Amino acid sequence: MIVPDHWAEARKQHREGRRQITVRRFGWSTTSASDALAMAESRAEEALARILSGERLNRREPKRPYNGAFGVPIREEVLHRHGDEVITRNSYGAHCLNTPRALFADVDLSHPEDGRLAWRIFGISCLLAGLLAWQSRSWGMVLGLVVLCALAASRVASTVLRISRATRGDPEQIARSRFSEFLAQHPEWNLRIYKTPSGFRLLASHRPFDPSDTEVQEFFSAVGADPVYVRMCLNQHCFRARLTAKPWRIGIPAHMRPRPGVWPVAPERMPVRREWIARYEQAASGFAACRFLESLGSGVVHDDIGKVIELHDRESRALRPELEIA
């Protein structure tokens, strides 16, 4: 896991006759801006040389907070460092804990299949309506049946899903069953369970983990971890946990200024960023990011993970049940 404090971008150009090649590359450093610039210059020179030799490379790297170009670390403002753990501000303004060793997992209980099922029902209904209308040669019937299908699809999908959930259990029950099944098969594990606005957050406390461990991927699959979160862990070689509220959940609909909220920000644009952050921090102080529910499993808490638990629970306000989670 690398979370640099300093960033720079270098540009290298090569001209042959009327043909010009321009290459841009980022550099980063945990010590100084000059070191970041030196790395950017070196990476840009290397990329240009490889392109001139015939290799196909992107001429520039996307400015993204993470999951961007291969080999580029997390690009977020560093707020605090606590040993190996780093707290950053993400692209929409919230504080995030980045850790190379404490296994967090986000389990989302929202149901994208609700919408997908409705669209499938709508599509099948329209196909059948089209066949019926084609036989009758009536375009008015086609239009009427399509409108009827659109009105009915969502209701039919909701009914089907309601029956399915009544049979299998609600999403929270299903998720908790997965947790229990995993722990029954892995009695040495201990999981701290937190409630989040969209589901659960799990934290394995019995030992440190490496994000690339096969055991970690098996755990993610068993508990139904969010696929986007799983990819981020592998790409950035770390685990993450949001520590403060999402702004749109606490009455701040406007995006963090300036847009996009990727670090660093030009000095002349910092005042507008600070203004937005001040409003956000004041509003977020009255909310928690998650709520601790219980600890399940062996009860073991590794010393190194215990320090991360203390940091996470304090910064996320997970032990303050009077606060709404957002």
C-alpha atoms as a PDB file:
ATOM      1  CA  MET A   1       0.000   0.000   0.000  1.00  0.00           C
ATOM      2  CA  ILE A   2       1.340   3.417  -0.991  1.00  0.00           C
ATOM      3  CA  VAL A   3      -0.451   6.646  -0.078  1.00  0.00           C
ATOM      4  CA  PRO A   4       1.883   9.546  -1.016  1.00  0.00           C
ATOM      5  CA  ASP A   5       1.726  13.053   0.423  1.00  0.00           C
ATOM      6  CA  HIS A   6       3.202  14.747  -2.659  1.00  0.00           C
ATOM      7  CA  TRP A   7       2.264  14.548  -6.358  1.00  0.00           C
ATOM      8  CA  ALA A   8       3.588  16.027  -9.581  1.00  0.00           C
ATOM      9  CA  GLU A   9       3.029  15.589 -13.325  1.00  0.00           C
ATOM     10  CA  ALA A  10       5.753  15.833 -15.971  1.00  0.00           C
ATOM     11  CA  ARG A  11       5.426  16.265 -19.727  1.00  0.00           C
ATOM     12  CA  LYS A  12       7.915  15.090 -22.344  1.00  0.00           C
ATOM     13  CA  GLN A  13       7.726  15.812 -26.069  1.00  0.00           C
ATOM     14  CA  HIS A  14       9.396  14.434 -29.184  1.00  0.00           C
ATOM     15  CA  ARG A  15       9.082  15.919 -32.672  1.00  0.00           C
ATOM     16  CA  GLU A  16      10.002  14.300 -35.980  1.00  0.00           C
ATOM     17  CA  GLY A  17       9.145  16.532 -38.890  1.00  0.00           C
ATOM     18  CA  ARG A  18       5.445  17.304 -38.587  1.00  0.00           C
ATOM     19  CA  ARG A  19       4.810  14.514 -36.084  1.00  0.00           C
ATOM     20  CA  GLN A  20       4.849  15.335 -32.373  1.00  0.00           C
ATOM     21  CA  ILE A  21       4.471  12.915 -29.479  1.00  0.00           C
ATOM     22  CA  THR A  22       3.589  14.268 -26.016  1.00  0.00           C
ATOM     23  CA  VAL A  23       3.726  12.006 -22.975  1.00  0.00           C
ATOM     24  CA  ARG A  24       2.561  12.848 -19.451  1.00  0.00           C
ATOM     25  CA  ARG A  25       3.285  10.857 -16.325  1.00  0.00           C
ATOM     26  CA  PHE A  26       2.654  11.308 -12.598  1.00  0.00           C
ATOM     27  CA  GLY A  27       5.252  11.111  -9.874  1.00  0.00           C
ATOM     28  CA  TRP A  28       4.723  10.802  -6.133  1.00  0.00           C
ATOM     29  CA  SER A  29       6.629  10.873  -2.859  1.00  0.00           C
ATOM     30  CA  THR A  30       6.030  10.610   0.879  1.00  0.00           C
ATOM     31  CA  THR A  31       8.915  13.024   1.564  1.00  0.00           C
ATOM     32  CA  SER A  32       8.904  16.058  -0.765  1.00  0.00           C
ATOM     33  CA  ALA A  33       7.406  17.712  -3.842  1.00  0.00           C
ATOM     34  CA  SER A  34      10.842  17.761  -5.509  1.00  0.00           C
ATOM     35  CA  ASP A  35      11.119  13.986  -5.173  1.00  0.00           C
ATOM     36  CA  ALA A  36       7.646  13.640  -6.697  1.00  0.00           C
ATOM     37  CA  LEU A  37       8.670  15.815  -9.654  1.00  0.00           C
ATOM     38  CA  ALA A  38      11.885  13.847 -10.150  1.00  0.00           C
ATOM     39  CA  MET A  39       9.893  10.624 -10.306  1.00  0.00           C
ATOM     40  CA  ALA A  40       7.414  12.178 -12.748  1.00  0.00           C
ATOM     41  CA  GLU A  41      10.266  13.301 -15.026  1.00  0.00           C
ATOM     42  CA  SER A  42      11.867   9.857 -14.899  1.00  0.00           C
ATOM     43  CA  ARG A  43       8.604   8.023 -15.610  1.00  0.00           C
ATOM     44  CA  ALA A  44       7.745  10.379 -18.480  1.00  0.00           C
ATOM     45  CA  GLU A  45      11.185   9.931 -20.077  1.00  0.00           C
ATOM     46  CA  GLU A  46      10.906   6.153 -19.776  1.00  0.00           C
ATOM     47  CA  ALA A  47       7.411   6.095 -21.264  1.00  0.00           C
ATOM     48  CA  LEU A  48       8.474   8.314 -24.188  1.00  0.00           C
ATOM     49  CA  ALA A  49      11.465   6.084 -24.935  1.00  0.00           C
ATOM     50  CA  ARG A  50       9.259   2.990 -24.937  1.00  0.00           C
ATOM     51  CA  ILE A  51       6.731   4.635 -27.258  1.00  0.00           C
ATOM     52  CA  LEU A  52       9.500   5.699 -29.654  1.00  0.00           C
ATOM     53  CA  SER A  53      10.776   2.113 -29.677  1.00  0.00           C
ATOM     54  CA  GLY A  54       7.396   0.988 -30.977  1.00  0.00           C
ATOM     55  CA  GLU A  55       5.631  -0.054 -27.778  1.00  0.00           C
ATOM     56  CA  ARG A  56       1.967   0.908 -27.495  1.00  0.00           C
ATOM     57  CA  LEU A  57       1.383   2.872 -24.284  1.00  0.00           C
ATOM     58  CA  ASN A  58      -1.149   5.436 -23.145  1.00  0.00           C
ATOM     59  CA  ARG A  59       0.223   8.946 -23.680  1.00  0.00           C
ATOM     60  CA  ARG A  60      -1.196  10.129 -20.350  1.00  0.00           C
ATOM     61  CA  GLU A  61      -2.466   8.615 -17.104  1.00  0.00           C
ATOM     62  CA  PRO A  62      -6.019   9.347 -15.940  1.00  0.00           C
ATOM     63  CA  LYS A  63      -6.383  11.631 -12.942  1.00  0.00           C
ATOM     64  CA  ARG A  64      -8.293   9.296 -10.671  1.00  0.00           C
ATOM     65  CA  PRO A  65      -8.179   8.779  -6.887  1.00  0.00           C
ATOM     66  CA  TYR A  66      -7.574   5.034  -7.239  1.00  0.00           C
ATOM     67  CA  ASN A  67      -8.140   2.125  -9.620  1.00  0.00           C
ATOM     68  CA  GLY A  68      -6.576   4.280 -12.280  1.00  0.00           C
ATOM     69  CA  ALA A  69      -3.473   3.522 -14.301  1.00  0.00           C
ATOM     70  CA  PHE A  70      -1.588   0.387 -13.362  1.00  0.00           C
ATOM     71  CA  GLY A  71       1.134   1.073 -10.813  1.00  0.00           C
ATOM     72  CA  VAL A  72      -0.251   4.459  -9.682  1.00  0.00           C
ATOM     73  CA  PRO A  73      -1.043   4.540  -5.947  1.00  0.00           C
ATOM     74  CA  ILE A  74      -3.971   6.068  -4.064  1.00  0.00           C
ATOM     75  CA  ARG A  75      -4.227   9.732  -4.993  1.00  0.00           C
ATOM     76  CA  GLU A  76      -6.043  11.386  -2.096  1.00  0.00           C
ATOM     77  CA  GLU A  77      -5.250  14.122   0.386  1.00  0.00           C
ATOM     78  CA  VAL A  78      -3.500  12.642   3.426  1.00  0.00           C
ATOM     79  CA  LEU A  79      -5.159  13.860   6.626  1.00  0.00           C
ATOM     80  CA  HIS A  80      -3.402  11.768   9.275  1.00  0.00           C
ATOM     81  CA  ARG A  81      -0.907   8.932   9.559  1.00  0.00           C
ATOM     82  CA  HIS A  82      -1.114   6.392  12.387  1.00  0.00           C
ATOM     83  CA  GLY A  83       1.792   4.036  11.847  1.00  0.00           C
ATOM     84  CA  ASP A  84       0.923   1.896   8.816  1.00  0.00           C
ATOM     85  CA  GLU A  85      -2.644   3.201   8.700  1.00  0.00           C
ATOM     86  CA  VAL A  86      -3.399   6.351   6.711  1.00  0.00           C
ATOM     87  CA  ILE A  87      -6.539   8.489   6.823  1.00  0.00           C
ATOM     88  CA  THR A  88      -7.287  10.284   3.558  1.00  0.00           C
ATOM     89  CA  ARG A  89     -10.050  12.457   2.135  1.00  0.00           C
ATOM     90  CA  ASN A  90     -11.717  10.722  -0.786  1.00  0.00           C
ATOM     91  CA  SER A  91     -12.988  12.298  -3.999  1.00  0.00           C
ATOM     92  CA  TYR A  92     -16.400  13.200  -2.524  1.00  0.00           C
ATOM     93  CA  GLY A  93     -14.969  14.614   0.711  1.00  0.00           C
ATOM     94  CA  ALA A  94     -15.318  11.823   3.291  1.00  0.00           C
ATOM     95  CA  HIS A  95     -12.482  10.560   5.502  1.00  0.00           C
ATOM     96  CA  CYS A  96     -11.277   7.041   4.662  1.00  0.00           C
ATOM     97  CA  LEU A  97      -9.064   4.652   6.591  1.00  0.00           C
ATOM     98  CA  ASN A  98      -6.468   2.863   4.431  1.00  0.00           C
ATOM     99  CA  THR A  99      -4.790  -0.134   6.017  1.00  0.00           C
ATOM    100  CA  PRO A 100      -2.463  -2.810   4.607  1.00  0.00           C
ATOM    101  CA  ARG A 101      -3.296  -5.381   7.287  1.00  0.00           C
ATOM    102  CA  ALA A 102      -6.784  -5.043   8.843  1.00  0.00           C
ATOM    103  CA  LEU A 103      -9.287  -7.040   6.785  1.00  0.00           C
ATOM    104  CA  PHE A 104     -12.427  -4.946   6.243  1.00  0.00           C
ATOM    105  CA  ALA A 105     -15.279  -6.039   3.981  1.00  0.00           C
ATOM    106  CA  ASP A 106     -18.313  -4.064   2.810  1.00  0.00           C
ATOM    107  CA  VAL A 107     -21.471  -6.111   2.271  1.00  0.00           C
ATOM    108  CA  ASP A 108     -24.121  -4.171   0.352  1.00  0.00           C
ATOM    109  CA  LEU A 109     -27.751  -5.163   0.916  1.00  0.00           C
ATOM    110  CA  SER A 110     -29.162  -2.986  -1.865  1.00  0.00           C
ATOM    111  CA  HIS A 111     -30.729  -4.935  -4.681  1.00  0.00           C
ATOM    112  CA  PRO A 112     -29.780  -3.965  -8.229  1.00  0.00           C
ATOM    113  CA  GLU A 113     -31.607  -7.141  -9.316  1.00  0.00           C
ATOM    114  CA  ASP A 114     -34.901  -5.352  -8.557  1.00  0.00           C
ATOM    115  CA  GLY A 115     -34.372  -3.046 -11.524  1.00  0.00           C
ATOM    116  CA  ARG A 116     -32.837  -5.740 -13.711  1.00  0.00           C
ATOM    117  CA  LEU A 117     -35.801  -8.067 -13.152  1.00  0.00           C
ATOM    118  CA  ALA A 118     -38.247  -5.289 -13.986  1.00  0.00           C
ATOM    119  CA  TRP A 119     -36.414  -4.583 -17.251  1.00  0.00           C
ATOM    120  CA  ARG A 120     -36.362  -8.295 -18.113  1.00  0.00           C
ATOM    121  CA  ILE A 121     -40.090  -8.597 -17.486  1.00  0.00           C
ATOM    122  CA  PHE A 122     -40.697  -5.444 -19.510  1.00  0.00           C
ATOM    123  CA  GLY A 123     -38.584  -6.745 -22.398  1.00  0.00           C
ATOM    124  CA  ILE A 124     -40.261 -10.153 -22.484  1.00  0.00           C
ATOM    125  CA  SER A 125     -43.701  -8.541 -22.228  1.00  0.00           C
ATOM    126  CA  CYS A 126     -42.914  -6.154 -25.098  1.00  0.00           C
ATOM    127  CA  LEU A 127     -41.694  -9.055 -27.231  1.00  0.00           C
ATOM    128  CA  LEU A 128     -44.895 -10.982 -26.646  1.00  0.00           C
ATOM    129  CA  ALA A 129     -46.947  -7.820 -27.222  1.00  0.00           C
ATOM    130  CA  GLY A 130     -45.080  -7.208 -30.471  1.00  0.00           C
ATOM    131  CA  LEU A 131     -45.792 -10.725 -31.717  1.00  0.00           C
ATOM    132  CA  LEU A 132     -49.469 -10.369 -30.857  1.00  0.00           C
ATOM    133  CA  ALA A 133     -49.673  -6.960 -32.517  1.00  0.00           C
ATOM    134  CA  TRP A 134     -47.824  -8.204 -35.608  1.00  0.00           C
ATOM    135  CA  GLN A 135     -50.417 -10.922 -36.026  1.00  0.00           C
ATOM    136  CA  SER A 136     -53.222  -8.404 -35.633  1.00  0.00           C
ATOM    137  CA  ARG A 137     -51.471  -5.746 -37.794  1.00  0.00           C
ATOM    138  CA  SER A 138     -52.490  -3.033 -35.311  1.00  0.00           C
ATOM    139  CA  TRP A 139     -49.897  -0.372 -34.358  1.00  0.00           C
ATOM    140  CA  GLY A 140     -52.346   1.112 -31.897  1.00  0.00           C
ATOM    141  CA  MET A 141     -52.390  -2.221 -30.101  1.00  0.00           C
ATOM    142  CA  VAL A 142     -48.568  -2.219 -30.085  1.00  0.00           C
ATOM    143  CA  LEU A 143     -48.440   1.187 -28.418  1.00  0.00           C
ATOM    144  CA  GLY A 144     -51.130   0.307 -25.913  1.00  0.00           C
ATOM    145  CA  LEU A 145     -49.517  -2.979 -24.949  1.00  0.00           C
ATOM    146  CA  VAL A 146     -46.065  -1.366 -24.566  1.00  0.00           C
ATOM    147  CA  VAL A 147     -47.513   1.253 -22.200  1.00  0.00           C
ATOM    148  CA  LEU A 148     -49.331  -1.459 -20.270  1.00  0.00           C
ATOM    149  CA  CYS A 149     -46.134  -3.521 -20.018  1.00  0.00           C
ATOM    150  CA  ALA A 150     -44.194  -0.511 -18.739  1.00  0.00           C
ATOM    151  CA  LEU A 151     -46.778   0.123 -16.032  1.00  0.00           C
ATOM    152  CA  ALA A 152     -46.978  -3.505 -14.978  1.00  0.00           C
ATOM    153  CA  ALA A 153     -43.322  -4.595 -15.141  1.00  0.00           C
ATOM    154  CA  SER A 154     -42.182  -2.902 -11.944  1.00  0.00           C
ATOM    155  CA  ARG A 155     -45.186  -4.147  -9.985  1.00  0.00           C
ATOM    156  CA  VAL A 156     -44.777  -7.700 -11.255  1.00  0.00           C
ATOM    157  CA  ALA A 157     -41.037  -7.637 -10.436  1.00  0.00           C
ATOM    158  CA  SER A 158     -41.733  -6.374  -6.906  1.00  0.00           C
ATOM    159  CA  THR A 159     -44.276  -9.142  -6.361  1.00  0.00           C
ATOM    160  CA  VAL A 160     -41.885 -11.833  -7.601  1.00  0.00           C
ATOM    161  CA  LEU A 161     -39.061 -10.532  -5.400  1.00  0.00           C
ATOM    162  CA  ARG A 162     -41.360 -10.206  -2.372  1.00  0.00           C
ATOM    163  CA  ILE A 163     -42.397 -13.841  -2.722  1.00  0.00           C
ATOM    164  CA  SER A 164     -38.759 -14.883  -3.182  1.00  0.00           C
ATOM    165  CA  ARG A 165     -37.643 -13.015  -0.066  1.00  0.00           C
ATOM    166  CA  ALA A 166     -40.529 -14.373   1.966  1.00  0.00           C
ATOM    167  CA  THR A 167     -39.286 -17.842   1.062  1.00  0.00           C
ATOM    168  CA  ARG A 168     -35.552 -17.269   1.513  1.00  0.00           C
ATOM    169  CA  GLY A 169     -35.618 -14.509   4.147  1.00  0.00           C
ATOM    170  CA  ASP A 170     -34.957 -10.783   3.917  1.00  0.00           C
ATOM    171  CA  PRO A 171     -31.561  -9.502   2.699  1.00  0.00           C
ATOM    172  CA  GLU A 172     -30.255  -8.874   6.226  1.00  0.00           C
ATOM    173  CA  GLN A 173     -31.153 -12.396   7.334  1.00  0.00           C
ATOM    174  CA  ILE A 174     -29.514 -13.868   4.249  1.00  0.00           C
ATOM    175  CA  ALA A 175     -26.317 -11.870   4.853  1.00  0.00           C
ATOM    176  CA  ARG A 176     -26.150 -12.861   8.515  1.00  0.00           C
ATOM    177  CA  SER A 177     -26.640 -16.495   7.533  1.00  0.00           C
ATOM    178  CA  ARG A 178     -23.608 -16.226   5.250  1.00  0.00           C
ATOM    179  CA  PHE A 179     -21.541 -14.778   8.099  1.00  0.00           C
ATOM    180  CA  SER A 180     -22.598 -17.579  10.443  1.00  0.00           C
ATOM    181  CA  GLU A 181     -21.897 -20.277   7.857  1.00  0.00           C
ATOM    182  CA  PHE A 182     -18.421 -18.904   7.216  1.00  0.00           C
ATOM    183  CA  LEU A 183     -17.589 -18.741  10.931  1.00  0.00           C
ATOM    184  CA  ALA A 184     -18.868 -22.284  11.460  1.00  0.00           C
ATOM    185  CA  GLN A 185     -16.362 -23.450   8.846  1.00  0.00           C
ATOM    186  CA  HIS A 186     -13.564 -21.215  10.207  1.00  0.00           C
ATOM    187  CA  PRO A 187     -13.777 -21.379  14.025  1.00  0.00           C
ATOM    188  CA  GLU A 188     -10.457 -19.560  14.460  1.00  0.00           C
ATOM    189  CA  TRP A 189     -11.867 -16.400  12.852  1.00  0.00           C
ATOM    190  CA  ASN A 190     -13.382 -13.492  14.752  1.00  0.00           C
ATOM    191  CA  LEU A 191     -15.521 -10.865  13.030  1.00  0.00           C
ATOM    192  CA  ARG A 192     -16.667  -7.497  14.281  1.00  0.00           C
ATOM    193  CA  ILE A 193     -20.014  -6.646  12.688  1.00  0.00           C
ATOM    194  CA  TYR A 194     -20.973  -3.032  11.966  1.00  0.00           C
ATOM    195  CA  LYS A 195     -24.198  -1.654  10.487  1.00  0.00           C
ATOM    196  CA  THR A 196     -23.836   0.768   7.584  1.00  0.00           C
ATOM    197  CA  PRO A 197     -26.542   2.703   5.702  1.00  0.00           C
ATOM    198  CA  SER A 198     -26.460   0.166   2.858  1.00  0.00           C
ATOM    199  CA  GLY A 199     -25.606  -3.053   4.680  1.00  0.00           C
ATOM    200  CA  PHE A 200     -22.792  -4.319   6.873  1.00  0.00           C
ATOM    201  CA  ARG A 201     -19.104  -3.717   7.461  1.00  0.00           C
ATOM    202  CA  LEU A 202     -17.035  -6.654   8.680  1.00  0.00           C
ATOM    203  CA  LEU A 203     -13.635  -6.476  10.358  1.00  0.00           C
ATOM    204  CA  ALA A 204     -11.579  -9.616  11.024  1.00  0.00           C
ATOM    205  CA  SER A 205      -9.816  -9.109  14.347  1.00  0.00           C
ATOM    206  CA  HIS A 206      -7.985 -12.409  14.967  1.00  0.00           C
ATOM    207  CA  ARG A 207      -4.907 -11.703  12.792  1.00  0.00           C
ATOM    208  CA  PRO A 208      -3.507  -9.382  10.097  1.00  0.00           C
ATOM    209  CA  PHE A 209      -4.064 -10.234   6.429  1.00  0.00           C
ATOM    210  CA  ASP A 210      -2.500  -9.387   3.090  1.00  0.00           C
ATOM    211  CA  PRO A 211      -5.070  -8.226   0.488  1.00  0.00           C
ATOM    212  CA  SER A 212      -3.663 -10.682  -2.065  1.00  0.00           C
ATOM    213  CA  ASP A 213      -4.078 -13.718   0.223  1.00  0.00           C
ATOM    214  CA  THR A 214      -6.214 -16.482  -1.261  1.00  0.00           C
ATOM    215  CA  GLU A 215      -7.953 -16.715   2.102  1.00  0.00           C
ATOM    216  CA  VAL A 216      -9.042 -13.078   1.786  1.00  0.00           C
ATOM    217  CA  GLN A 217     -10.621 -13.669  -1.617  1.00  0.00           C
ATOM    218  CA  GLU A 218     -12.433 -16.747  -0.298  1.00  0.00           C
ATOM    219  CA  PHE A 219     -13.748 -14.672   2.602  1.00  0.00           C
ATOM    220  CA  PHE A 220     -14.954 -11.895   0.288  1.00  0.00           C
ATOM    221  CA  SER A 221     -16.798 -14.443  -1.848  1.00  0.00           C
ATOM    222  CA  ALA A 222     -18.332 -16.256   1.132  1.00  0.00           C
ATOM    223  CA  VAL A 223     -19.774 -13.143   2.797  1.00  0.00           C
ATOM    224  CA  GLY A 224     -20.864 -11.440  -0.437  1.00  0.00           C
ATOM    225  CA  ALA A 225     -18.475  -8.477  -0.324  1.00  0.00           C
ATOM    226  CA  ASP A 226     -19.119  -5.572  -2.688  1.00  0.00           C
ATOM    227  CA  PRO A 227     -17.344  -6.387  -6.015  1.00  0.00           C
ATOM    228  CA  VAL A 228     -16.111  -2.818  -6.512  1.00  0.00           C
ATOM    229  CA  TYR A 229     -14.536  -2.862  -3.046  1.00  0.00           C
ATOM    230  CA  VAL A 230     -12.911  -6.251  -3.748  1.00  0.00           C
ATOM    231  CA  ARG A 231     -11.292  -4.945  -6.963  1.00  0.00           C
ATOM    232  CA  MET A 232     -10.009  -1.854  -5.168  1.00  0.00           C
ATOM    233  CA  CYS A 233      -8.368  -3.987  -2.461  1.00  0.00           C
ATOM    234  CA  LEU A 234      -6.515  -6.047  -5.047  1.00  0.00           C
ATOM    235  CA  ASN A 235      -5.500  -3.103  -7.241  1.00  0.00           C
ATOM    236  CA  GLN A 236      -4.301  -0.872  -4.406  1.00  0.00           C
ATOM    237  CA  HIS A 237      -3.046  -3.657  -2.135  1.00  0.00           C
ATOM    238  CA  CYS A 238      -4.917  -2.361   0.889  1.00  0.00           C
ATOM    239  CA  PHE A 239      -8.227  -2.436   2.726  1.00  0.00           C
ATOM    240  CA  ARG A 240     -10.410   0.654   3.181  1.00  0.00           C
ATOM    241  CA  ALA A 241     -13.168   1.830   5.492  1.00  0.00           C
ATOM    242  CA  ARG A 242     -15.092   5.106   5.213  1.00  0.00           C
ATOM    243  CA  LEU A 243     -14.933   7.008   8.507  1.00  0.00           C
ATOM    244  CA  THR A 244     -17.286   9.954   7.975  1.00  0.00           C
ATOM    245  CA  ALA A 245     -20.689  10.468   6.375  1.00  0.00           C
ATOM    246  CA  LYS A 246     -21.397  10.666   2.673  1.00  0.00           C
ATOM    247  CA  PRO A 247     -22.224  14.340   2.013  1.00  0.00           C
ATOM    248  CA  TRP A 248     -25.487  13.746   0.134  1.00  0.00           C
ATOM    249  CA  ARG A 249     -26.819  11.844   3.163  1.00  0.00           C
ATOM    250  CA  ILE A 250     -26.351  14.794   5.517  1.00  0.00           C
ATOM    251  CA  GLY A 251     -27.877  17.611   3.531  1.00  0.00           C
ATOM    252  CA  ILE A 252     -24.939  18.588   1.311  1.00  0.00           C
ATOM    253  CA  PRO A 253     -26.049  17.803  -2.244  1.00  0.00           C
ATOM    254  CA  ALA A 254     -23.291  19.805  -3.950  1.00  0.00           C
ATOM    255  CA  HIS A 255     -20.148  17.959  -5.010  1.00  0.00           C
ATOM    256  CA  MET A 256     -16.857  18.839  -3.353  1.00  0.00           C
ATOM    257  CA  ARG A 257     -15.354  21.855  -5.069  1.00  0.00           C
ATOM    258  CA  PRO A 258     -13.479  22.168  -7.311  1.00  0.00           C
ATOM    259  CA  ARG A 259     -14.539  19.273  -9.487  1.00  0.00           C
ATOM    260  CA  PRO A 260     -13.262  16.624  -9.716  1.00  0.00           C
ATOM    261  CA  GLY A 261     -12.177  16.206  -6.099  1.00  0.00           C
ATOM    262  CA  VAL A 262      -8.940  14.412  -6.965  1.00  0.00           C
ATOM    263  CA  TRP A 263      -5.810  15.482  -5.118  1.00  0.00           C
ATOM    264  CA  PRO A 264      -3.762  17.642  -5.464  1.00  0.00           C
ATOM    265  CA  VAL A 265      -5.651  20.853  -6.155  1.00  0.00           C
ATOM    266  CA  ALA A 266      -4.066  23.933  -7.723  1.00  0.00           C
ATOM    267  CA  PRO A 267      -3.225  26.591  -5.067  1.00  0.00           C
ATOM    268  CA  GLU A 268      -5.555  29.161  -6.608  1.00  0.00           C
ATOM    269  CA  ARG A 269      -8.465  26.718  -6.273  1.00  0.00           C
ATOM    270  CA  MET A 270      -7.809  25.750  -2.651  1.00  0.00           C
ATOM    271  CA  PRO A 271     -10.043  28.456  -1.083  1.00  0.00           C
ATOM    272  CA  VAL A 272     -13.183  27.037  -2.708  1.00  0.00           C
ATOM    273  CA  ARG A 273     -12.179  23.545  -1.570  1.00  0.00           C
ATOM    274  CA  ARG A 274     -11.593  24.711   2.013  1.00  0.00           C
ATOM    275  CA  GLU A 275     -14.983  26.439   2.039  1.00  0.00           C
ATOM    276  CA  TRP A 276     -16.757  23.246   0.980  1.00  0.00           C
ATOM    277  CA  ILE A 277     -14.778  21.149   3.480  1.00  0.00           C
ATOM    278  CA  ALA A 278     -15.651  23.488   6.365  1.00  0.00           C
ATOM    279  CA  ARG A 279     -19.373  23.075   5.650  1.00  0.00           C
ATOM    280  CA  TYR A 280     -18.990  19.328   5.285  1.00  0.00           C
ATOM    281  CA  GLU A 281     -16.976  18.815   8.482  1.00  0.00           C
ATOM    282  CA  GLN A 282     -19.494  20.794  10.531  1.00  0.00           C
ATOM    283  CA  ALA A 283     -22.425  18.778   9.183  1.00  0.00           C
ATOM    284  CA  ALA A 284     -20.629  15.408   9.400  1.00  0.00           C
ATOM    285  CA  SER A 285     -19.741  15.889  13.074  1.00  0.00           C
ATOM    286  CA  GLY A 286     -23.303  14.947  14.018  1.00  0.00           C
ATOM    287  CA  PHE A 287     -23.307  11.595  12.217  1.00  0.00           C
ATOM    288  CA  ALA A 288     -21.568   8.220  12.386  1.00  0.00           C
ATOM    289  CA  ALA A 289     -20.288   6.257   9.398  1.00  0.00           C
ATOM    290  CA  CYS A 290     -21.334   2.918  10.902  1.00  0.00           C
ATOM    291  CA  ARG A 291     -22.557   1.376  14.167  1.00  0.00           C
ATOM    292  CA  PHE A 292     -20.927  -1.514  16.007  1.00  0.00           C
ATOM    293  CA  LEU A 293     -23.379  -4.380  16.501  1.00  0.00           C
ATOM    294  CA  GLU A 294     -21.495  -7.375  17.871  1.00  0.00           C
ATOM    295  CA  SER A 295     -18.432  -9.577  17.728  1.00  0.00           C
ATOM    296  CA  LEU A 296     -18.863 -13.125  16.409  1.00  0.00           C
ATOM    297  CA  GLY A 297     -16.494 -16.073  16.372  1.00  0.00           C
ATOM    298  CA  SER A 298     -13.453 -17.004  18.419  1.00  0.00           C
ATOM    299  CA  GLY A 299     -13.243 -13.730  20.359  1.00  0.00           C
ATOM    300  CA  VAL A 300      -9.543 -13.356  19.496  1.00  0.00           C
ATOM    301  CA  VAL A 301      -8.232  -9.827  18.930  1.00  0.00           C
ATOM    302  CA  HIS A 302      -4.679  -9.582  17.591  1.00  0.00           C
ATOM    303  CA  ASP A 303      -2.615  -6.778  19.171  1.00  0.00           C
ATOM    304  CA  ASP A 304      -1.916  -5.072  15.836  1.00  0.00           C
ATOM    305  CA  ILE A 305      -5.563  -5.250  14.772  1.00  0.00           C
ATOM    306  CA  GLY A 306      -6.686  -4.020  18.183  1.00  0.00           C
ATOM    307  CA  LYS A 307      -4.965  -0.702  17.442  1.00  0.00           C
ATOM    308  CA  VAL A 308      -6.784  -0.434  14.113  1.00  0.00           C
ATOM    309  CA  ILE A 309     -10.104  -1.228  15.821  1.00  0.00           C
ATOM    310  CA  GLU A 310      -9.556   1.569  18.317  1.00  0.00           C
ATOM    311  CA  LEU A 311      -8.698   4.033  15.525  1.00  0.00           C
ATOM    312  CA  HIS A 312     -11.605   2.965  13.328  1.00  0.00           C
ATOM    313  CA  ASP A 313     -14.234   2.990  16.077  1.00  0.00           C
ATOM    314  CA  ARG A 314     -13.140   6.409  17.342  1.00  0.00           C
ATOM    315  CA  GLU A 315     -12.986   8.099  13.942  1.00  0.00           C
ATOM    316  CA  SER A 316     -16.153   6.486  12.563  1.00  0.00           C
ATOM    317  CA  ARG A 317     -18.081   7.114  15.835  1.00  0.00           C
ATOM    318  CA  ALA A 318     -19.142   3.477  15.660  1.00  0.00           C
ATOM    319  CA  LEU A 319     -19.641   3.245  19.431  1.00  0.00           C
ATOM    320  CA  ARG A 320     -22.074   6.169  19.614  1.00  0.00           C
ATOM    321  CA  PRO A 321     -25.535   4.636  19.115  1.00  0.00           C
ATOM    322  CA  GLU A 322     -27.255   8.002  19.589  1.00  0.00           C
ATOM    323  CA  LEU A 323     -25.852   9.180  16.228  1.00  0.00           C
ATOM    324  CA  GLU A 324     -27.584   8.448  12.936  1.00  0.00           C
ATOM    325  CA  ILE A 325     -25.418   6.556  10.474  1.00  0.00           C
ATOM    326  CA  ALA A 326     -24.938   8.185   7.099  1.00  0.00           C
END
